[in-house]
Protein backbone atom coordinates (compact mmCIF):
# COMPACT_ATOMS: atom_id res chain seq x y z
CA UNK A 1 0.00 0.00 0.00
CA UNK A 2 2.78 2.41 0.90
CA UNK A 3 4.51 1.79 -2.42
CA UNK A 4 1.33 2.08 -4.48
CA UNK A 5 0.17 5.29 -2.85
CA UNK A 6 3.64 6.73 -3.41
CA UNK A 7 3.40 6.18 -7.14
CA UNK A 8 2.84 9.33 -9.13
CA UNK A 9 -0.25 9.46 -11.29
CA UNK A 10 1.89 9.12 -14.39
CA UNK A 11 0.24 9.21 -17.80
CA UNK A 12 -0.27 5.84 -19.45
CA UNK A 13 1.61 4.69 -22.50
CA UNK A 14 0.42 5.36 -26.02
CA UNK A 15 -1.07 1.89 -26.41
CA UNK A 16 -3.25 2.33 -23.35
CA UNK A 17 -4.41 5.75 -24.53
CA UNK A 18 -5.27 4.45 -27.98
CA UNK A 19 -7.22 1.58 -26.51
CA UNK A 20 -9.22 3.90 -24.29
CA UNK A 21 -9.95 6.27 -27.14
CA UNK A 22 -11.26 3.41 -29.26
CA UNK A 23 -13.73 2.32 -26.62
CA UNK A 24 -16.92 4.34 -26.93
CA UNK A 25 -17.93 3.48 -23.37
CA UNK A 26 -14.78 5.03 -21.91
CA UNK A 27 -14.57 8.74 -21.21
CA UNK A 28 -11.90 11.02 -22.62
CA UNK A 29 -10.42 11.18 -19.13
CA UNK A 30 -8.02 8.25 -18.79
CA UNK A 31 -7.98 6.15 -15.64
CA UNK A 32 -4.30 7.08 -15.45
CA UNK A 33 -5.23 10.67 -14.64
CA UNK A 34 -6.24 9.61 -11.12
CA UNK A 35 -4.04 8.41 -8.28
CA UNK A 36 -4.56 4.78 -7.37
CA UNK A 37 -6.41 4.45 -4.08
CA UNK A 38 -6.14 1.45 -1.76
CA UNK A 39 -8.74 -0.22 0.45
CA UNK A 40 -7.29 -2.59 3.03
CA UNK A 41 -9.44 -5.71 3.41
CA UNK A 42 -8.51 -8.02 6.26
CA UNK A 43 -9.89 -10.70 8.54
CA UNK A 44 -8.12 -9.17 11.51
CA UNK A 45 -9.71 -6.15 13.18
ModelCIF file with pLDDT and N, C-alpha, C, O atoms, coordinates in Angstrom:
data_MODEL
#
_entry.id   MODEL 
#
_entity.id                         1 
_entity.type                       polymer 
_entity.pdbx_number_of_molecules   1 
#
_entity_poly.entity_id                      1 
_entity_poly.type                           'polypeptide(L)' 
_entity_poly.nstd_linkage                   no 
_entity_poly.nstd_monomer                   no 
_entity_poly.pdbx_seq_one_letter_code       
;(UNK)(UNK)(UNK)(UNK)(UNK)(UNK)(UNK)(UNK)(UNK)(UNK)(UNK)(UNK)(UNK)(UNK)(UNK)(UNK)
(UNK)(UNK)(UNK)(UNK)(UNK)(UNK)(UNK)(UNK)(UNK)(UNK)(UNK)(UNK)(UNK)(UNK)(UNK)(UNK)
(UNK)(UNK)(UNK)(UNK)(UNK)(UNK)(UNK)(UNK)(UNK)(UNK)(UNK)(UNK)(UNK)
;
_entity_poly.pdbx_seq_one_letter_code_can   XXXXXXXXXXXXXXXXXXXXXXXXXXXXXXXXXXXXXXXXXXXXX 
_entity_poly.pdbx_strand_id                 A 
#
loop_
_entity_poly_seq.entity_id 
_entity_poly_seq.num 
_entity_poly_seq.mon_id 
_entity_poly_seq.hetero 
1 1  UNK n 
1 2  UNK n 
1 3  UNK n 
1 4  UNK n 
1 5  UNK n 
1 6  UNK n 
1 7  UNK n 
1 8  UNK n 
1 9  UNK n 
1 10 UNK n 
1 11 UNK n 
1 12 UNK n 
1 13 UNK n 
1 14 UNK n 
1 15 UNK n 
1 16 UNK n 
1 17 UNK n 
1 18 UNK n 
1 19 UNK n 
1 20 UNK n 
1 21 UNK n 
1 22 UNK n 
1 23 UNK n 
1 24 UNK n 
1 25 UNK n 
1 26 UNK n 
1 27 UNK n 
1 28 UNK n 
1 29 UNK n 
1 30 UNK n 
1 31 UNK n 
1 32 UNK n 
1 33 UNK n 
1 34 UNK n 
1 35 UNK n 
1 36 UNK n 
1 37 UNK n 
1 38 UNK n 
1 39 UNK n 
1 40 UNK n 
1 41 UNK n 
1 42 UNK n 
1 43 UNK n 
1 44 UNK n 
1 45 UNK n 
#
_struct_asym.id          A 
_struct_asym.entity_id   1 
#
loop_
_ma_qa_metric.id 
_ma_qa_metric.mode 
_ma_qa_metric.name 
_ma_qa_metric.software_group_id 
_ma_qa_metric.type 
1 global pLDDT . pLDDT 
2 local  pLDDT . pLDDT 
#
_ma_qa_metric_global.metric_id      1 
_ma_qa_metric_global.metric_value   60.60 
_ma_qa_metric_global.model_id       1 
_ma_qa_metric_global.ordinal_id     1 
#
loop_
_ma_qa_metric_local.label_asym_id 
_ma_qa_metric_local.label_comp_id 
_ma_qa_metric_local.label_seq_id 
_ma_qa_metric_local.metric_id 
_ma_qa_metric_local.metric_value 
_ma_qa_metric_local.model_id 
_ma_qa_metric_local.ordinal_id 
A UNK 1  2 93.00 1 1  
A UNK 2  2 91.00 1 2  
A UNK 3  2 94.00 1 3  
A UNK 4  2 95.00 1 4  
A UNK 5  2 91.00 1 5  
A UNK 6  2 88.00 1 6  
A UNK 7  2 84.00 1 7  
A UNK 8  2 52.00 1 8  
A UNK 9  2 43.00 1 9  
A UNK 10 2 43.00 1 10 
A UNK 11 2 43.00 1 11 
A UNK 12 2 44.00 1 12 
A UNK 13 2 40.00 1 13 
A UNK 14 2 37.00 1 14 
A UNK 15 2 41.00 1 15 
A UNK 16 2 43.00 1 16 
A UNK 17 2 34.00 1 17 
A UNK 18 2 37.00 1 18 
A UNK 19 2 40.00 1 19 
A UNK 20 2 33.00 1 20 
A UNK 21 2 36.00 1 21 
A UNK 22 2 36.00 1 22 
A UNK 23 2 41.00 1 23 
A UNK 24 2 31.00 1 24 
A UNK 25 2 33.00 1 25 
A UNK 26 2 36.00 1 26 
A UNK 27 2 37.00 1 27 
A UNK 28 2 35.00 1 28 
A UNK 29 2 42.00 1 29 
A UNK 30 2 46.00 1 30 
A UNK 31 2 45.00 1 31 
A UNK 32 2 50.00 1 32 
A UNK 33 2 67.00 1 33 
A UNK 34 2 78.00 1 34 
A UNK 35 2 89.00 1 35 
A UNK 36 2 94.00 1 36 
A UNK 37 2 94.00 1 37 
A UNK 38 2 95.00 1 38 
A UNK 39 2 95.00 1 39 
A UNK 40 2 92.00 1 40 
A UNK 41 2 90.00 1 41 
A UNK 42 2 84.00 1 42 
A UNK 43 2 82.00 1 43 
A UNK 44 2 69.00 1 44 
A UNK 45 2 64.00 1 45 
#
loop_
_atom_site.group_PDB 
_atom_site.id 
_atom_site.type_symbol 
_atom_site.label_atom_id 
_atom_site.label_alt_id 
_atom_site.label_comp_id 
_atom_site.label_asym_id 
_atom_site.label_entity_id 
_atom_site.label_seq_id 
_atom_site.pdbx_PDB_ins_code 
_atom_site.Cartn_x 
_atom_site.Cartn_y 
_atom_site.Cartn_z 
_atom_site.occupancy 
_atom_site.B_iso_or_equiv 
_atom_site.pdbx_formal_charge 
_atom_site.auth_seq_id 
_atom_site.auth_comp_id 
_atom_site.auth_asym_id 
_atom_site.auth_atom_id 
_atom_site.pdbx_PDB_model_num 
ATOM 1   N N  . UNK A 1 1  ? 0.833   -1.207  0.000   1.00 93.00 ? 1  UNK A N  1 
ATOM 2   C CA . UNK A 1 1  ? 0.000   0.000   0.000   1.00 93.00 ? 1  UNK A CA 1 
ATOM 3   C C  . UNK A 1 1  ? 0.860   1.247   0.000   1.00 93.00 ? 1  UNK A C  1 
ATOM 4   O O  . UNK A 1 1  ? 0.594   2.189   -0.746  1.00 93.00 ? 1  UNK A O  1 
ATOM 5   N N  . UNK A 1 2  ? 1.887   1.260   0.829   1.00 91.00 ? 2  UNK A N  1 
ATOM 6   C CA . UNK A 1 2  ? 2.783   2.409   0.900   1.00 91.00 ? 2  UNK A CA 1 
ATOM 7   C C  . UNK A 1 2  ? 3.440   2.677   -0.445  1.00 91.00 ? 2  UNK A C  1 
ATOM 8   O O  . UNK A 1 2  ? 3.581   3.830   -0.854  1.00 91.00 ? 2  UNK A O  1 
ATOM 9   N N  . UNK A 1 3  ? 3.840   1.618   -1.127  1.00 94.00 ? 3  UNK A N  1 
ATOM 10  C CA . UNK A 1 3  ? 4.510   1.791   -2.421  1.00 94.00 ? 3  UNK A CA 1 
ATOM 11  C C  . UNK A 1 3  ? 3.522   2.257   -3.492  1.00 94.00 ? 3  UNK A C  1 
ATOM 12  O O  . UNK A 1 3  ? 3.852   3.105   -4.320  1.00 94.00 ? 3  UNK A O  1 
ATOM 13  N N  . UNK A 1 4  ? 2.318   1.704   -3.471  1.00 95.00 ? 4  UNK A N  1 
ATOM 14  C CA . UNK A 1 4  ? 1.332   2.075   -4.484  1.00 95.00 ? 4  UNK A CA 1 
ATOM 15  C C  . UNK A 1 4  ? 0.879   3.516   -4.308  1.00 95.00 ? 4  UNK A C  1 
ATOM 16  O O  . UNK A 1 4  ? 0.754   4.254   -5.285  1.00 95.00 ? 4  UNK A O  1 
ATOM 17  N N  . UNK A 1 5  ? 0.633   3.915   -3.075  1.00 91.00 ? 5  UNK A N  1 
ATOM 18  C CA . UNK A 1 5  ? 0.175   5.289   -2.850  1.00 91.00 ? 5  UNK A CA 1 
ATOM 19  C C  . UNK A 1 5  ? 1.279   6.302   -3.077  1.00 91.00 ? 5  UNK A C  1 
ATOM 20  O O  . UNK A 1 5  ? 1.010   7.497   -3.199  1.00 91.00 ? 5  UNK A O  1 
ATOM 21  N N  . UNK A 1 6  ? 2.518   5.837   -3.134  1.00 88.00 ? 6  UNK A N  1 
ATOM 22  C CA . UNK A 1 6  ? 3.640   6.729   -3.409  1.00 88.00 ? 6  UNK A CA 1 
ATOM 23  C C  . UNK A 1 6  ? 3.870   6.922   -4.905  1.00 88.00 ? 6  UNK A C  1 
ATOM 24  O O  . UNK A 1 6  ? 4.598   7.820   -5.327  1.00 88.00 ? 6  UNK A O  1 
ATOM 25  N N  . UNK A 1 7  ? 3.235   6.063   -5.693  1.00 84.00 ? 7  UNK A N  1 
ATOM 26  C CA . UNK A 1 7  ? 3.399   6.179   -7.140  1.00 84.00 ? 7  UNK A CA 1 
ATOM 27  C C  . UNK A 1 7  ? 2.771   7.474   -7.623  1.00 84.00 ? 7  UNK A C  1 
ATOM 28  O O  . UNK A 1 7  ? 1.701   7.867   -7.158  1.00 84.00 ? 7  UNK A O  1 
ATOM 29  N N  . UNK A 1 8  ? 3.429   8.120   -8.539  1.00 52.00 ? 8  UNK A N  1 
ATOM 30  C CA . UNK A 1 8  ? 2.836   9.326   -9.127  1.00 52.00 ? 8  UNK A CA 1 
ATOM 31  C C  . UNK A 1 8  ? 1.767   8.894   -10.112 1.00 52.00 ? 8  UNK A C  1 
ATOM 32  O O  . UNK A 1 8  ? 1.828   7.798   -10.670 1.00 52.00 ? 8  UNK A O  1 
ATOM 33  N N  . UNK A 1 9  ? 0.802   9.750   -10.320 1.00 43.00 ? 9  UNK A N  1 
ATOM 34  C CA . UNK A 1 9  ? -0.251  9.463   -11.290 1.00 43.00 ? 9  UNK A CA 1 
ATOM 35  C C  . UNK A 1 9  ? 0.297   9.753   -12.681 1.00 43.00 ? 9  UNK A C  1 
ATOM 36  O O  . UNK A 1 9  ? -0.095  10.718  -13.338 1.00 43.00 ? 9  UNK A O  1 
ATOM 37  N N  . UNK A 1 10 ? 1.211   8.893   -13.108 1.00 43.00 ? 10 UNK A N  1 
ATOM 38  C CA . UNK A 1 10 ? 1.886   9.115   -14.387 1.00 43.00 ? 10 UNK A CA 1 
ATOM 39  C C  . UNK A 1 10 ? 0.949   8.796   -15.534 1.00 43.00 ? 10 UNK A C  1 
ATOM 40  O O  . UNK A 1 10 ? 0.104   7.909   -15.411 1.00 43.00 ? 10 UNK A O  1 
ATOM 41  N N  . UNK A 1 11 ? 1.082   9.501   -16.644 1.00 43.00 ? 11 UNK A N  1 
ATOM 42  C CA . UNK A 1 11 ? 0.241   9.211   -17.801 1.00 43.00 ? 11 UNK A CA 1 
ATOM 43  C C  . UNK A 1 11 ? 0.539   7.832   -18.348 1.00 43.00 ? 11 UNK A C  1 
ATOM 44  O O  . UNK A 1 11 ? 1.677   7.370   -18.272 1.00 43.00 ? 11 UNK A O  1 
ATOM 45  N N  . UNK A 1 12 ? -0.456  7.170   -18.895 1.00 44.00 ? 12 UNK A N  1 
ATOM 46  C CA . UNK A 1 12 ? -0.267  5.835   -19.452 1.00 44.00 ? 12 UNK A CA 1 
ATOM 47  C C  . UNK A 1 12 ? 0.480   5.891   -20.766 1.00 44.00 ? 12 UNK A C  1 
ATOM 48  O O  . UNK A 1 12 ? 0.687   6.964   -21.334 1.00 44.00 ? 12 UNK A O  1 
ATOM 49  N N  . UNK A 1 13 ? 0.886   4.714   -21.250 1.00 40.00 ? 13 UNK A N  1 
ATOM 50  C CA . UNK A 1 13 ? 1.607   4.689   -22.503 1.00 40.00 ? 13 UNK A CA 1 
ATOM 51  C C  . UNK A 1 13 ? 0.656   4.876   -23.676 1.00 40.00 ? 13 UNK A C  1 
ATOM 52  O O  . UNK A 1 13 ? -0.564  4.875   -23.513 1.00 40.00 ? 13 UNK A O  1 
ATOM 53  N N  . UNK A 1 14 ? 1.227   5.036   -24.846 1.00 37.00 ? 14 UNK A N  1 
ATOM 54  C CA . UNK A 1 14 ? 0.420   5.356   -26.017 1.00 37.00 ? 14 UNK A CA 1 
ATOM 55  C C  . UNK A 1 14 ? -0.571  4.254   -26.329 1.00 37.00 ? 14 UNK A C  1 
ATOM 56  O O  . UNK A 1 14 ? -1.688  4.528   -26.767 1.00 37.00 ? 14 UNK A O  1 
ATOM 57  N N  . UNK A 1 15 ? -0.172  3.002   -26.106 1.00 41.00 ? 15 UNK A N  1 
ATOM 58  C CA . UNK A 1 15 ? -1.067  1.890   -26.409 1.00 41.00 ? 15 UNK A CA 1 
ATOM 59  C C  . UNK A 1 15 ? -2.307  1.949   -25.541 1.00 41.00 ? 15 UNK A C  1 
ATOM 60  O O  . UNK A 1 15 ? -3.423  1.737   -26.015 1.00 41.00 ? 15 UNK A O  1 
ATOM 61  N N  . UNK A 1 16 ? -2.102  2.240   -24.254 1.00 43.00 ? 16 UNK A N  1 
ATOM 62  C CA . UNK A 1 16 ? -3.248  2.335   -23.355 1.00 43.00 ? 16 UNK A CA 1 
ATOM 63  C C  . UNK A 1 16 ? -4.172  3.457   -23.790 1.00 43.00 ? 16 UNK A C  1 
ATOM 64  O O  . UNK A 1 16 ? -5.391  3.286   -23.805 1.00 43.00 ? 16 UNK A O  1 
ATOM 65  N N  . UNK A 1 17 ? -3.608  4.605   -24.144 1.00 34.00 ? 17 UNK A N  1 
ATOM 66  C CA . UNK A 1 17 ? -4.406  5.754   -24.526 1.00 34.00 ? 17 UNK A CA 1 
ATOM 67  C C  . UNK A 1 17 ? -5.199  5.463   -25.787 1.00 34.00 ? 17 UNK A C  1 
ATOM 68  O O  . UNK A 1 17 ? -6.361  5.854   -25.897 1.00 34.00 ? 17 UNK A O  1 
ATOM 69  N N  . UNK A 1 18 ? -4.576  4.775   -26.742 1.00 37.00 ? 18 UNK A N  1 
ATOM 70  C CA . UNK A 1 18 ? -5.268  4.455   -27.985 1.00 37.00 ? 18 UNK A CA 1 
ATOM 71  C C  . UNK A 1 18 ? -6.414  3.505   -27.733 1.00 37.00 ? 18 UNK A C  1 
ATOM 72  O O  . UNK A 1 18 ? -7.486  3.633   -28.324 1.00 37.00 ? 18 UNK A O  1 
ATOM 73  N N  . UNK A 1 19 ? -6.177  2.535   -26.838 1.00 40.00 ? 19 UNK A N  1 
ATOM 74  C CA . UNK A 1 19 ? -7.220  1.578   -26.510 1.00 40.00 ? 19 UNK A CA 1 
ATOM 75  C C  . UNK A 1 19 ? -8.418  2.261   -25.880 1.00 40.00 ? 19 UNK A C  1 
ATOM 76  O O  . UNK A 1 19 ? -9.564  1.962   -26.215 1.00 40.00 ? 19 UNK A O  1 
ATOM 77  N N  . UNK A 1 20 ? -8.144  3.188   -24.959 1.00 33.00 ? 20 UNK A N  1 
ATOM 78  C CA . UNK A 1 20 ? -9.224  3.904   -24.290 1.00 33.00 ? 20 UNK A CA 1 
ATOM 79  C C  . UNK A 1 20 ? -10.000 4.760   -25.278 1.00 33.00 ? 20 UNK A C  1 
ATOM 80  O O  . UNK A 1 20 ? -11.227 4.840   -25.212 1.00 33.00 ? 20 UNK A O  1 
ATOM 81  N N  . UNK A 1 21 ? -9.286  5.395   -26.185 1.00 36.00 ? 21 UNK A N  1 
ATOM 82  C CA . UNK A 1 21 ? -9.949  6.273   -27.142 1.00 36.00 ? 21 UNK A CA 1 
ATOM 83  C C  . UNK A 1 21 ? -10.846 5.486   -28.077 1.00 36.00 ? 21 UNK A C  1 
ATOM 84  O O  . UNK A 1 21 ? -11.853 6.004   -28.558 1.00 36.00 ? 21 UNK A O  1 
ATOM 85  N N  . UNK A 1 22 ? -10.484 4.227   -28.339 1.00 36.00 ? 22 UNK A N  1 
ATOM 86  C CA . UNK A 1 22 ? -11.256 3.408   -29.265 1.00 36.00 ? 22 UNK A CA 1 
ATOM 87  C C  . UNK A 1 22 ? -12.514 2.851   -28.632 1.00 36.00 ? 22 UNK A C  1 
ATOM 88  O O  . UNK A 1 22 ? -13.414 2.394   -29.337 1.00 36.00 ? 22 UNK A O  1 
ATOM 89  N N  . UNK A 1 23 ? -12.587 2.883   -27.330 1.00 41.00 ? 23 UNK A N  1 
ATOM 90  C CA . UNK A 1 23 ? -13.733 2.324   -26.624 1.00 41.00 ? 23 UNK A CA 1 
ATOM 91  C C  . UNK A 1 23 ? -14.764 3.412   -26.384 1.00 41.00 ? 23 UNK A C  1 
ATOM 92  O O  . UNK A 1 23 ? -14.515 4.355   -25.633 1.00 41.00 ? 23 UNK A O  1 
ATOM 93  N N  . UNK A 1 24 ? -15.906 3.285   -27.011 1.00 31.00 ? 24 UNK A N  1 
ATOM 94  C CA . UNK A 1 24 ? -16.925 4.342   -26.925 1.00 31.00 ? 24 UNK A CA 1 
ATOM 95  C C  . UNK A 1 24 ? -17.515 4.468   -25.538 1.00 31.00 ? 24 UNK A C  1 
ATOM 96  O O  . UNK A 1 24 ? -18.116 5.491   -25.209 1.00 31.00 ? 24 UNK A O  1 
ATOM 97  N N  . UNK A 1 25 ? -17.353 3.443   -24.723 1.00 33.00 ? 25 UNK A N  1 
ATOM 98  C CA . UNK A 1 25 ? -17.927 3.484   -23.375 1.00 33.00 ? 25 UNK A CA 1 
ATOM 99  C C  . UNK A 1 25 ? -16.989 4.127   -22.377 1.00 33.00 ? 25 UNK A C  1 
ATOM 100 O O  . UNK A 1 25 ? -17.355 4.325   -21.218 1.00 33.00 ? 25 UNK A O  1 
ATOM 101 N N  . UNK A 1 26 ? -15.783 4.454   -22.812 1.00 36.00 ? 26 UNK A N  1 
ATOM 102 C CA . UNK A 1 26 ? -14.782 5.029   -21.914 1.00 36.00 ? 26 UNK A CA 1 
ATOM 103 C C  . UNK A 1 26 ? -14.693 6.518   -22.160 1.00 36.00 ? 26 UNK A C  1 
ATOM 104 O O  . UNK A 1 26 ? -14.695 6.968   -23.306 1.00 36.00 ? 26 UNK A O  1 
ATOM 105 N N  . UNK A 1 27 ? -14.616 7.284   -21.082 1.00 37.00 ? 27 UNK A N  1 
ATOM 106 C CA . UNK A 1 27 ? -14.572 8.738   -21.213 1.00 37.00 ? 27 UNK A CA 1 
ATOM 107 C C  . UNK A 1 27 ? -13.227 9.193   -21.738 1.00 37.00 ? 27 UNK A C  1 
ATOM 108 O O  . UNK A 1 27 ? -12.273 8.417   -21.784 1.00 37.00 ? 27 UNK A O  1 
ATOM 109 N N  . UNK A 1 28 ? -13.154 10.463  -22.135 1.00 35.00 ? 28 UNK A N  1 
ATOM 110 C CA . UNK A 1 28 ? -11.900 11.023  -22.622 1.00 35.00 ? 28 UNK A CA 1 
ATOM 111 C C  . UNK A 1 28 ? -10.874 11.100  -21.513 1.00 35.00 ? 28 UNK A C  1 
ATOM 112 O O  . UNK A 1 28 ? -9.671  11.133  -21.774 1.00 35.00 ? 28 UNK A O  1 
ATOM 113 N N  . UNK A 1 29 ? -11.344 11.130  -20.269 1.00 42.00 ? 29 UNK A N  1 
ATOM 114 C CA . UNK A 1 29 ? -10.425 11.176  -19.131 1.00 42.00 ? 29 UNK A CA 1 
ATOM 115 C C  . UNK A 1 29 ? -9.907  9.783   -18.854 1.00 42.00 ? 29 UNK A C  1 
ATOM 116 O O  . UNK A 1 29 ? -10.684 8.902   -18.485 1.00 42.00 ? 29 UNK A O  1 
ATOM 117 N N  . UNK A 1 30 ? -8.615  9.560   -19.021 1.00 46.00 ? 30 UNK A N  1 
ATOM 118 C CA . UNK A 1 30 ? -8.022  8.254   -18.790 1.00 46.00 ? 30 UNK A CA 1 
ATOM 119 C C  . UNK A 1 30 ? -8.011  7.917   -17.315 1.00 46.00 ? 30 UNK A C  1 
ATOM 120 O O  . UNK A 1 30 ? -7.940  8.797   -16.457 1.00 46.00 ? 30 UNK A O  1 
ATOM 121 N N  . UNK A 1 31 ? -8.083  6.591   -17.029 1.00 45.00 ? 31 UNK A N  1 
ATOM 122 C CA . UNK A 1 31 ? -7.982  6.149   -15.637 1.00 45.00 ? 31 UNK A CA 1 
ATOM 123 C C  . UNK A 1 31 ? -6.652  6.549   -15.045 1.00 45.00 ? 31 UNK A C  1 
ATOM 124 O O  . UNK A 1 31 ? -6.524  6.679   -13.827 1.00 45.00 ? 31 UNK A O  1 
ATOM 125 N N  . UNK A 1 32 ? -5.628  6.750   -15.921 1.00 50.00 ? 32 UNK A N  1 
ATOM 126 C CA . UNK A 1 32 ? -4.296  7.085   -15.445 1.00 50.00 ? 32 UNK A CA 1 
ATOM 127 C C  . UNK A 1 32 ? -4.215  8.503   -14.897 1.00 50.00 ? 32 UNK A C  1 
ATOM 128 O O  . UNK A 1 32 ? -3.220  8.870   -14.271 1.00 50.00 ? 32 UNK A O  1 
ATOM 129 N N  . UNK A 1 33 ? -5.247  9.298   -15.126 1.00 67.00 ? 33 UNK A N  1 
ATOM 130 C CA . UNK A 1 33 ? -5.233  10.666  -14.636 1.00 67.00 ? 33 UNK A CA 1 
ATOM 131 C C  . UNK A 1 33 ? -5.489  10.736  -13.136 1.00 67.00 ? 33 UNK A C  1 
ATOM 132 O O  . UNK A 1 33 ? -5.299  11.788  -12.524 1.00 67.00 ? 33 UNK A O  1 
ATOM 133 N N  . UNK A 1 34 ? -5.910  9.648   -12.551 1.00 78.00 ? 34 UNK A N  1 
ATOM 134 C CA . UNK A 1 34 ? -6.241  9.613   -11.125 1.00 78.00 ? 34 UNK A CA 1 
ATOM 135 C C  . UNK A 1 34 ? -5.176  8.850   -10.354 1.00 78.00 ? 34 UNK A C  1 
ATOM 136 O O  . UNK A 1 34 ? -4.583  7.911   -10.885 1.00 78.00 ? 34 UNK A O  1 
ATOM 137 N N  . UNK A 1 35 ? -4.926  9.238   -9.114  1.00 89.00 ? 35 UNK A N  1 
ATOM 138 C CA . UNK A 1 35 ? -4.040  8.411   -8.280  1.00 89.00 ? 35 UNK A CA 1 
ATOM 139 C C  . UNK A 1 35 ? -4.746  7.112   -7.913  1.00 89.00 ? 35 UNK A C  1 
ATOM 140 O O  . UNK A 1 35 ? -5.964  7.085   -7.738  1.00 89.00 ? 35 UNK A O  1 
ATOM 141 N N  . UNK A 1 36 ? -3.982  6.050   -7.800  1.00 94.00 ? 36 UNK A N  1 
ATOM 142 C CA . UNK A 1 36 ? -4.558  4.782   -7.366  1.00 94.00 ? 36 UNK A CA 1 
ATOM 143 C C  . UNK A 1 36 ? -4.837  4.835   -5.869  1.00 94.00 ? 36 UNK A C  1 
ATOM 144 O O  . UNK A 1 36 ? -3.974  5.221   -5.080  1.00 94.00 ? 36 UNK A O  1 
ATOM 145 N N  . UNK A 1 37 ? -6.028  4.451   -5.494  1.00 94.00 ? 37 UNK A N  1 
ATOM 146 C CA . UNK A 1 37 ? -6.413  4.453   -4.080  1.00 94.00 ? 37 UNK A CA 1 
ATOM 147 C C  . UNK A 1 37 ? -6.511  3.004   -3.588  1.00 94.00 ? 37 UNK A C  1 
ATOM 148 O O  . UNK A 1 37 ? -6.856  2.101   -4.350  1.00 94.00 ? 37 UNK A O  1 
ATOM 149 N N  . UNK A 1 38 ? -6.205  2.802   -2.319  1.00 95.00 ? 38 UNK A N  1 
ATOM 150 C CA . UNK A 1 38 ? -6.143  1.451   -1.756  1.00 95.00 ? 38 UNK A CA 1 
ATOM 151 C C  . UNK A 1 38 ? -7.156  1.296   -0.623  1.00 95.00 ? 38 UNK A C  1 
ATOM 152 O O  . UNK A 1 38 ? -7.271  2.150   0.256   1.00 95.00 ? 38 UNK A O  1 
ATOM 153 N N  . UNK A 1 39 ? -7.879  0.191   -0.671  1.00 95.00 ? 39 UNK A N  1 
ATOM 154 C CA . UNK A 1 39 ? -8.738  -0.217  0.446   1.00 95.00 ? 39 UNK A CA 1 
ATOM 155 C C  . UNK A 1 39 ? -8.136  -1.478  1.056   1.00 95.00 ? 39 UNK A C  1 
ATOM 156 O O  . UNK A 1 39 ? -7.998  -2.495  0.377   1.00 95.00 ? 39 UNK A O  1 
ATOM 157 N N  . UNK A 1 40 ? -7.782  -1.413  2.316   1.00 92.00 ? 40 UNK A N  1 
ATOM 158 C CA . UNK A 1 40 ? -7.294  -2.589  3.026   1.00 92.00 ? 40 UNK A CA 1 
ATOM 159 C C  . UNK A 1 40 ? -8.487  -3.464  3.408   1.00 92.00 ? 40 UNK A C  1 
ATOM 160 O O  . UNK A 1 40 ? -9.450  -2.991  4.011   1.00 92.00 ? 40 UNK A O  1 
ATOM 161 N N  . UNK A 1 41 ? -8.409  -4.736  3.050   1.00 90.00 ? 41 UNK A N  1 
ATOM 162 C CA . UNK A 1 41 ? -9.439  -5.712  3.409   1.00 90.00 ? 41 UNK A CA 1 
ATOM 163 C C  . UNK A 1 41 ? -8.769  -6.835  4.195   1.00 90.00 ? 41 UNK A C  1 
ATOM 164 O O  . UNK A 1 41 ? -7.889  -7.518  3.671   1.00 90.00 ? 41 UNK A O  1 
ATOM 165 N N  . UNK A 1 42 ? -9.174  -7.026  5.433   1.00 84.00 ? 42 UNK A N  1 
ATOM 166 C CA . UNK A 1 42 ? -8.511  -8.021  6.262   1.00 84.00 ? 42 UNK A CA 1 
ATOM 167 C C  . UNK A 1 42 ? -9.501  -8.751  7.157   1.00 84.00 ? 42 UNK A C  1 
ATOM 168 O O  . UNK A 1 42 ? -10.593 -8.258  7.442   1.00 84.00 ? 42 UNK A O  1 
ATOM 169 N N  . UNK A 1 43 ? -9.098  -9.927  7.589   1.00 82.00 ? 43 UNK A N  1 
ATOM 170 C CA . UNK A 1 43 ? -9.892  -10.703 8.543   1.00 82.00 ? 43 UNK A CA 1 
ATOM 171 C C  . UNK A 1 43 ? -9.676  -10.195 9.961   1.00 82.00 ? 43 UNK A C  1 
ATOM 172 O O  . UNK A 1 43 ? -10.505 -10.415 10.844  1.00 82.00 ? 43 UNK A O  1 
ATOM 173 N N  . UNK A 1 44 ? -8.557  -9.514  10.169  1.00 69.00 ? 44 UNK A N  1 
ATOM 174 C CA . UNK A 1 44 ? -8.122  -9.166  11.514  1.00 69.00 ? 44 UNK A CA 1 
ATOM 175 C C  . UNK A 1 44 ? -8.419  -7.708  11.846  1.00 69.00 ? 44 UNK A C  1 
ATOM 176 O O  . UNK A 1 44 ? -7.827  -6.798  11.266  1.00 69.00 ? 44 UNK A O  1 
ATOM 177 N N  . UNK A 1 45 ? -9.323  -7.498  12.766  1.00 64.00 ? 45 UNK A N  1 
ATOM 178 C CA . UNK A 1 45 ? -9.714  -6.146  13.175  1.00 64.00 ? 45 UNK A CA 1 
ATOM 179 C C  . UNK A 1 45 ? -8.786  -5.678  14.291  1.00 64.00 ? 45 UNK A C  1 
ATOM 180 O O  . UNK A 1 45 ? -8.934  -4.562  14.789  1.00 64.00 ? 45 UNK A O  1 
#
